[in-house]
PDB file of N, CA and C in Angstrom:
ATOM      1  N   UNK A   1     -27.539  48.052  32.010  1.00  0.00           N
ATOM      2  CA  UNK A   1     -26.118  47.896  32.159  1.00  0.00           C
ATOM      3  C   UNK A   1     -25.377  46.896  31.353  1.00  0.00           C
ATOM      4  N   UNK A   2     -25.824  46.818  30.208  1.00  0.00           N
ATOM      5  CA  UNK A   2     -25.133  46.088  29.069  1.00  0.00           C
ATOM      6  C   UNK A   2     -24.351  47.161  28.517  1.00  0.00           C
ATOM      7  N   UNK A   3     -24.677  48.233  28.111  1.00  0.00           N
ATOM      8  CA  UNK A   3     -24.212  49.347  27.744  1.00  0.00           C
ATOM      9  C   UNK A   3     -22.650  49.720  28.457  1.00  0.00           C
ATOM     10  N   UNK A   4     -22.909  49.810  29.650  1.00  0.00           N
ATOM     11  CA  UNK A   4     -22.013  50.125  30.842  1.00  0.00           C
ATOM     12  C   UNK A   4     -20.563  48.970  30.434  1.00  0.00           C
ATOM     13  N   UNK A   5     -21.254  47.838  30.621  1.00  0.00           N
ATOM     14  CA  UNK A   5     -20.397  46.318  30.204  1.00  0.00           C
ATOM     15  C   UNK A   5     -19.478  46.638  29.474  1.00  0.00           C
ATOM     16  N   UNK A   6     -19.882  46.582  28.039  1.00  0.00           N
ATOM     17  CA  UNK A   6     -18.914  47.220  26.464  1.00  0.00           C
ATOM     18  C   UNK A   6     -18.103  48.105  26.862  1.00  0.00           C
ATOM     19  N   UNK A   7     -18.475  49.291  27.797  1.00  0.00           N
ATOM     20  CA  UNK A   7     -17.745  50.482  27.796  1.00  0.00           C
ATOM     21  C   UNK A   7     -16.679  49.823  28.712  1.00  0.00           C
ATOM     22  N   UNK A   8     -17.032  49.207  29.824  1.00  0.00           N
ATOM     23  CA  UNK A   8     -15.853  48.876  31.009  1.00  0.00           C
ATOM     24  C   UNK A   8     -14.739  47.713  29.950  1.00  0.00           C
ATOM     25  N   UNK A   9     -15.640  47.081  29.386  1.00  0.00           N
ATOM     26  CA  UNK A   9     -13.924  46.326  28.425  1.00  0.00           C
ATOM     27  C   UNK A   9     -13.494  46.957  27.872  1.00  0.00           C
ATOM     28  N   UNK A  10     -14.047  48.230  26.774  1.00  0.00           N
ATOM     29  CA  UNK A  10     -12.967  48.507  26.032  1.00  0.00           C
ATOM     30  C   UNK A  10     -12.104  49.267  26.625  1.00  0.00           C
ATOM     31  N   UNK A  11     -12.434  49.937  28.050  1.00  0.00           N
ATOM     32  CA  UNK A  11     -11.813  51.017  28.795  1.00  0.00           C
ATOM     33  C   UNK A  11     -10.660  49.878  29.298  1.00  0.00           C
ATOM     34  N   UNK A  12     -10.913  48.708  29.508  1.00  0.00           N
ATOM     35  CA  UNK A  12      -9.949  47.930  30.197  1.00  0.00           C
ATOM     36  C   UNK A  12      -8.865  47.238  29.073  1.00  0.00           C
ATOM     37  N   UNK A  13      -9.530  47.336  27.443  1.00  0.00           N
ATOM     38  CA  UNK A  13      -8.617  46.616  27.188  1.00  0.00           C
ATOM     39  C   UNK A  13      -7.555  47.609  26.788  1.00  0.00           C
ATOM     40  N   UNK A  14      -8.041  49.306  26.444  1.00  0.00           N
ATOM     41  CA  UNK A  14      -7.372  50.187  25.665  1.00  0.00           C
ATOM     42  C   UNK A  14      -6.051  50.455  26.823  1.00  0.00           C
ATOM     43  N   UNK A  15      -6.781  50.476  28.481  1.00  0.00           N
ATOM     44  CA  UNK A  15      -5.519  50.711  29.563  1.00  0.00           C
ATOM     45  C   UNK A  15      -4.793  49.679  29.247  1.00  0.00           C
ATOM     46  N   UNK A  16      -4.911  48.234  29.272  1.00  0.00           N
ATOM     47  CA  UNK A  16      -4.347  47.216  29.472  1.00  0.00           C
ATOM     48  C   UNK A  16      -3.047  47.238  28.187  1.00  0.00           C
ATOM     49  N   UNK A  17      -3.736  47.754  27.603  1.00  0.00           N
ATOM     50  CA  UNK A  17      -2.548  47.595  25.969  1.00  0.00           C
ATOM     51  C   UNK A  17      -2.015  48.864  26.068  1.00  0.00           C
ATOM     52  N   UNK A  18      -2.211  49.954  26.548  1.00  0.00           N
ATOM     53  CA  UNK A  18      -1.708  51.495  26.764  1.00  0.00           C
ATOM     54  C   UNK A  18      -0.242  51.465  27.720  1.00  0.00           C
ATOM     55  N   UNK A  19       0.171  50.086  28.444  1.00  0.00           N
ATOM     56  CA  UNK A  19       0.830  49.941  29.698  1.00  0.00           C
ATOM     57  C   UNK A  19       2.059  49.219  29.101  1.00  0.00           C
ATOM     58  N   UNK A  20       2.951  50.322  28.948  1.00  0.00           N
ATOM     59  CA  UNK A  20       4.134  49.901  28.151  1.00  0.00           C
ATOM     60  C   UNK A  20       5.150  48.907  28.877  1.00  0.00           C
ATOM     61  N   UNK A  21       4.699  48.699  30.529  1.00  0.00           N
ATOM     62  CA  UNK A  21       5.250  47.924  31.056  1.00  0.00           C
ATOM     63  C   UNK A  21       4.742  46.526  31.032  1.00  0.00           C
ATOM     64  N   UNK A  22       3.613  46.863  30.884  1.00  0.00           N
ATOM     65  CA  UNK A  22       2.788  45.373  30.621  1.00  0.00           C
ATOM     66  C   UNK A  22       2.792  44.664  29.229  1.00  0.00           C
ATOM     67  N   UNK A  23       2.989  45.822  28.157  1.00  0.00           N
ATOM     68  CA  UNK A  23       3.096  45.295  26.855  1.00  0.00           C
ATOM     69  C   UNK A  23       4.660  44.519  26.855  1.00  0.00           C
ATOM     70  N   UNK A  24       5.431  44.904  27.258  1.00  0.00           N
ATOM     71  CA  UNK A  24       6.940  44.793  27.664  1.00  0.00           C
ATOM     72  C   UNK A  24       6.946  43.138  28.360  1.00  0.00           C
ATOM     73  N   UNK A  25       6.255  42.887  28.832  1.00  0.00           N
ATOM     74  CA  UNK A  25       6.433  41.576  29.446  1.00  0.00           C
ATOM     75  C   UNK A  25       5.471  40.647  28.774  1.00  0.00           C
ATOM     76  N   UNK A  26       4.162  40.734  28.046  1.00  0.00           N
ATOM     77  CA  UNK A  26       3.159  40.028  27.468  1.00  0.00           C
ATOM     78  C   UNK A  26       3.078  39.890  26.053  1.00  0.00           C
ATOM     79  N   UNK A  27       3.655  40.785  25.299  1.00  0.00           N
ATOM     80  CA  UNK A  27       3.772  41.252  24.184  1.00  0.00           C
ATOM     81  C   UNK A  27       2.268  41.754  23.664  1.00  0.00           C
ATOM     82  N   UNK A  28       2.207  42.238  22.326  1.00  0.00           N
ATOM     83  CA  UNK A  28       1.223  42.776  21.857  1.00  0.00           C
ATOM     84  C   UNK A  28       0.219  41.955  21.675  1.00  0.00           C
ATOM     85  N   UNK A  29      -1.175  42.234  21.594  1.00  0.00           N
ATOM     86  CA  UNK A  29      -2.452  41.542  21.466  1.00  0.00           C
ATOM     87  C   UNK A  29      -2.297  40.042  22.427  1.00  0.00           C
ATOM     88  N   UNK A  30      -2.093  40.037  23.533  1.00  0.00           N
ATOM     89  CA  UNK A  30      -2.341  39.455  24.398  1.00  0.00           C
ATOM     90  C   UNK A  30      -3.181  39.452  25.832  1.00  0.00           C
ATOM     91  N   UNK A  31      -4.344  40.776  25.403  1.00  0.00           N
ATOM     92  CA  UNK A  31      -5.504  40.785  26.640  1.00  0.00           C
ATOM     93  C   UNK A  31      -6.342  40.473  25.960  1.00  0.00           C
ATOM     94  N   UNK A  32      -7.169  39.745  26.715  1.00  0.00           N
ATOM     95  CA  UNK A  32      -8.448  38.816  26.541  1.00  0.00           C
ATOM     96  C   UNK A  32      -9.461  39.295  27.277  1.00  0.00           C
ATOM     97  N   UNK A  33     -10.549  38.876  26.705  1.00  0.00           N
ATOM     98  CA  UNK A  33     -12.006  39.135  27.547  1.00  0.00           C
ATOM     99  C   UNK A  33     -12.157  37.826  27.849  1.00  0.00           C
ATOM    100  N   UNK A  34     -12.820  37.417  28.468  1.00  0.00           N
ATOM    101  CA  UNK A  34     -13.377  36.298  28.921  1.00  0.00           C
ATOM    102  C   UNK A  34     -12.597  34.530  28.977  1.00  0.00           C
ATOM    103  N   UNK A  35     -11.785  35.038  27.449  1.00  0.00           N
ATOM    104  CA  UNK A  35     -10.985  33.516  27.713  1.00  0.00           C
ATOM    105  C   UNK A  35     -10.014  34.062  26.189  1.00  0.00           C
ATOM    106  N   UNK A  36      -8.922  33.508  26.659  1.00  0.00           N
ATOM    107  CA  UNK A  36      -8.006  33.645  25.833  1.00  0.00           C
ATOM    108  C   UNK A  36      -8.320  33.091  24.221  1.00  0.00           C
ATOM    109  N   UNK A  37      -8.016  33.680  23.069  1.00  0.00           N
ATOM    110  CA  UNK A  37      -8.387  33.179  21.813  1.00  0.00           C
ATOM    111  C   UNK A  37      -7.408  32.030  21.651  1.00  0.00           C
ATOM    112  N   UNK A  38      -7.949  30.866  20.578  1.00  0.00           N
ATOM    113  CA  UNK A  38      -7.266  29.943  20.274  1.00  0.00           C
ATOM    114  C   UNK A  38      -5.976  30.140  19.758  1.00  0.00           C
ATOM    115  N   UNK A  39      -5.105  29.431  20.412  1.00  0.00           N
ATOM    116  CA  UNK A  39      -3.555  29.622  19.482  1.00  0.00           C
ATOM    117  C   UNK A  39      -3.025  30.984  20.217  1.00  0.00           C
ATOM    118  N   UNK A  40      -3.759  31.460  21.673  1.00  0.00           N
ATOM    119  CA  UNK A  40      -2.817  32.530  21.781  1.00  0.00           C
ATOM    120  C   UNK A  40      -1.696  31.938  22.382  1.00  0.00           C
ATOM    121  N   UNK A  41      -0.503  33.438  22.209  1.00  0.00           N
ATOM    122  CA  UNK A  41       0.793  32.959  23.596  1.00  0.00           C
ATOM    123  C   UNK A  41       0.760  33.262  24.522  1.00  0.00           C
ATOM    124  N   UNK A  42       1.210  32.537  25.156  1.00  0.00           N
ATOM    125  CA  UNK A  42       1.871  33.073  26.920  1.00  0.00           C
ATOM    126  C   UNK A  42       3.043  33.882  27.105  1.00  0.00           C
ATOM    127  N   UNK A  43       2.956  34.495  28.069  1.00  0.00           N
ATOM    128  CA  UNK A  43       2.144  34.937  28.917  1.00  0.00           C
ATOM    129  C   UNK A  43       1.121  35.919  28.268  1.00  0.00           C
ATOM    130  N   UNK A  44       0.165  35.568  29.103  1.00  0.00           N
ATOM    131  CA  UNK A  44      -1.005  36.831  28.505  1.00  0.00           C
ATOM    132  C   UNK A  44      -2.292  37.299  29.645  1.00  0.00           C
ATOM    133  N   UNK A  45      -2.905  38.011  29.206  1.00  0.00           N
ATOM    134  CA  UNK A  45      -3.766  38.881  30.481  1.00  0.00           C
ATOM    135  C   UNK A  45      -5.460  38.397  29.970  1.00  0.00           C
ATOM    136  N   UNK A  46      -6.223  38.005  30.761  1.00  0.00           N
ATOM    137  CA  UNK A  46      -7.714  37.793  30.910  1.00  0.00           C
ATOM    138  C   UNK A  46      -8.243  38.479  31.968  1.00  0.00           C
ATOM    139  N   UNK A  47      -9.761  39.190  31.496  1.00  0.00           N
ATOM    140  CA  UNK A  47     -10.336  39.648  32.633  1.00  0.00           C
ATOM    141  C   UNK A  47     -11.805  39.575  32.171  1.00  0.00           C
ATOM    142  N   UNK A  48     -12.530  39.506  33.195  1.00  0.00           N
ATOM    143  CA  UNK A  48     -14.094  39.108  33.087  1.00  0.00           C
ATOM    144  C   UNK A  48     -14.751  39.747  33.839  1.00  0.00           C
ATOM    145  N   UNK A  49     -15.868  40.002  33.701  1.00  0.00           N
ATOM    146  CA  UNK A  49     -17.093  40.446  35.036  1.00  0.00           C
ATOM    147  C   UNK A  49     -17.348  39.478  35.917  1.00  0.00           C
ATOM    148  N   UNK A  50     -17.404  40.492  37.418  1.00  0.00           N
ATOM    149  CA  UNK A  50     -17.438  39.469  38.458  1.00  0.00           C
ATOM    150  C   UNK A  50     -19.201  39.933  38.967  1.00  0.00           C
ATOM    151  N   UNK A  51     -20.210  39.925  38.033  1.00  0.00           N
ATOM    152  CA  UNK A  51     -21.632  40.652  38.613  1.00  0.00           C
ATOM    153  C   UNK A  51     -21.386  42.194  38.306  1.00  0.00           C
ATOM    154  N   UNK A  52     -22.209  42.814  39.396  1.00  0.00           N
ATOM    155  CA  UNK A  52     -22.046  44.148  39.615  1.00  0.00           C
ATOM    156  C   UNK A  52     -24.074  44.253  39.715  1.00  0.00           C
ATOM    157  N   UNK A  53     -24.167  45.824  40.055  1.00  0.00           N
ATOM    158  CA  UNK A  53     -25.338  46.142  40.276  1.00  0.00           C
ATOM    159  C   UNK A  53     -25.466  47.773  39.969  1.00  0.00           C
ATOM    160  N   UNK A  54     -26.800  48.290  39.926  1.00  0.00           N
ATOM    161  CA  UNK A  54     -27.051  49.510  39.776  1.00  0.00           C
ATOM    162  C   UNK A  54     -27.324  49.879  41.174  1.00  0.00           C
ATOM    163  N   UNK A  55     -26.733  51.193  41.419  1.00  0.00           N
ATOM    164  CA  UNK A  55     -27.122  52.019  42.669  1.00  0.00           C
ATOM    165  C   UNK A  55     -27.975  53.201  42.238  1.00  0.00           C
ATOM    166  N   UNK A  56     -29.425  53.245  42.677  1.00  0.00           N
ATOM    167  CA  UNK A  56     -30.576  53.950  42.411  1.00  0.00           C
ATOM    168  C   UNK A  56     -30.753  55.059  43.657  1.00  0.00           C
ATOM    169  N   UNK A  57     -30.859  56.181  43.356  1.00  0.00           N
ATOM    170  CA  UNK A  57     -31.330  57.318  44.116  1.00  0.00           C
ATOM    171  C   UNK A  57     -32.783  57.129  44.290  1.00  0.00           C
ATOM    172  N   UNK A  58     -33.338  58.754  44.317  1.00  0.00           N
ATOM    173  CA  UNK A  58     -34.868  58.705  44.761  1.00  0.00           C
ATOM    174  C   UNK A  58     -35.724  58.187  43.195  1.00  0.00           C
ATOM    175  N   UNK A  59     -36.250  57.277  43.548  1.00  0.00           N
ATOM    176  CA  UNK A  59     -37.624  57.001  42.326  1.00  0.00           C
ATOM    177  C   UNK A  59     -36.443  55.563  41.405  1.00  0.00           C
ATOM    178  N   UNK A  60     -36.578  56.349  39.883  1.00  0.00           N
ATOM    179  CA  UNK A  60     -35.860  55.001  39.119  1.00  0.00           C
ATOM    180  C   UNK A  60     -34.697  55.652  38.802  1.00  0.00           C
ATOM    181  N   UNK A  61     -34.228  56.887  39.550  1.00  0.00           N
ATOM    182  CA  UNK A  61     -32.902  57.604  38.862  1.00  0.00           C
ATOM    183  C   UNK A  61     -31.910  57.030  39.335  1.00  0.00           C
ATOM    184  N   UNK A  62     -31.044  56.378  38.172  1.00  0.00           N
ATOM    185  CA  UNK A  62     -29.907  55.417  38.686  1.00  0.00           C
ATOM    186  C   UNK A  62     -28.394  56.631  38.591  1.00  0.00           C
ATOM    187  N   UNK A  63     -27.833  56.469  40.024  1.00  0.00           N
ATOM    188  CA  UNK A  63     -26.767  57.264  40.297  1.00  0.00           C
ATOM    189  C   UNK A  63     -25.348  56.675  39.829  1.00  0.00           C
ATOM    190  N   UNK A  64     -25.314  55.328  39.755  1.00  0.00           N
ATOM    191  CA  UNK A  64     -24.011  54.590  39.275  1.00  0.00           C
ATOM    192  C   UNK A  64     -23.860  53.269  39.032  1.00  0.00           C
ATOM    193  N   UNK A  65     -23.295  52.573  38.548  1.00  0.00           N
ATOM    194  CA  UNK A  65     -23.265  50.990  38.514  1.00  0.00           C
ATOM    195  C   UNK A  65     -21.820  50.590  39.038  1.00  0.00           C
ATOM    196  N   UNK A  66     -22.026  49.485  39.855  1.00  0.00           N
ATOM    197  CA  UNK A  66     -20.972  49.139  40.831  1.00  0.00           C
ATOM    198  C   UNK A  66     -20.727  47.745  39.727  1.00  0.00           C
ATOM    199  N   UNK A  67     -19.461  47.847  39.035  1.00  0.00           N
ATOM    200  CA  UNK A  67     -18.970  46.471  38.362  1.00  0.00           C
ATOM    201  C   UNK A  67     -17.537  46.237  38.507  1.00  0.00           C
ATOM    202  N   UNK A  68     -17.567  44.971  39.446  1.00  0.00           N
ATOM    203  CA  UNK A  68     -16.217  44.486  39.443  1.00  0.00           C
ATOM    204  C   UNK A  68     -15.591  43.609  38.589  1.00  0.00           C
ATOM    205  N   UNK A  69     -14.713  43.664  38.333  1.00  0.00           N
ATOM    206  CA  UNK A  69     -14.179  42.468  37.430  1.00  0.00           C
ATOM    207  C   UNK A  69     -12.471  42.255  37.674  1.00  0.00           C
ATOM    208  N   UNK A  70     -12.298  40.879  37.089  1.00  0.00           N
ATOM    209  CA  UNK A  70     -11.243  40.063  37.749  1.00  0.00           C
ATOM    210  C   UNK A  70      -9.926  40.241  36.551  1.00  0.00           C
ATOM    211  N   UNK A  71      -9.098  40.976  36.903  1.00  0.00           N
ATOM    212  CA  UNK A  71      -7.873  40.959  35.559  1.00  0.00           C
ATOM    213  C   UNK A  71      -6.880  39.723  36.244  1.00  0.00           C
ATOM    214  N   UNK A  72      -6.916  38.622  35.581  1.00  0.00           N
ATOM    215  CA  UNK A  72      -5.484  37.746  35.295  1.00  0.00           C
ATOM    216  C   UNK A  72      -4.468  37.773  34.349  1.00  0.00           C
ATOM    217  N   UNK A  73      -3.156  37.991  35.147  1.00  0.00           N
ATOM    218  CA  UNK A  73      -2.083  37.189  34.305  1.00  0.00           C
ATOM    219  C   UNK A  73      -1.686  35.785  34.175  1.00  0.00           C
ATOM    220  N   UNK A  74      -1.793  35.362  33.419  1.00  0.00           N
ATOM    221  CA  UNK A  74      -1.460  33.978  33.274  1.00  0.00           C
ATOM    222  C   UNK A  74       0.082  33.433  32.169  1.00  0.00           C
ATOM    223  N   UNK A  75       0.629  32.765  33.152  1.00  0.00           N
ATOM    224  CA  UNK A  75       1.911  32.517  32.893  1.00  0.00           C
ATOM    225  C   UNK A  75       2.249  31.511  31.808  1.00  0.00           C
TER     226      UNK A  75
END
């Protein structure tokens, strides 16, 4: 599941940074994974995973991975 976690994190960063409305509110380079960088300016967005699990089919065949994330806007 580690590969999926980094893939989801990259997708979230790309998606959030690609939202013109959001960037108009928080400015550029203000999307952070886990914790905000030291010296980060507010407002900003922080996201982190809340666990997750694999859904297996017959045998060891993985059908999907459920990966809920928390995305917080901090003012």
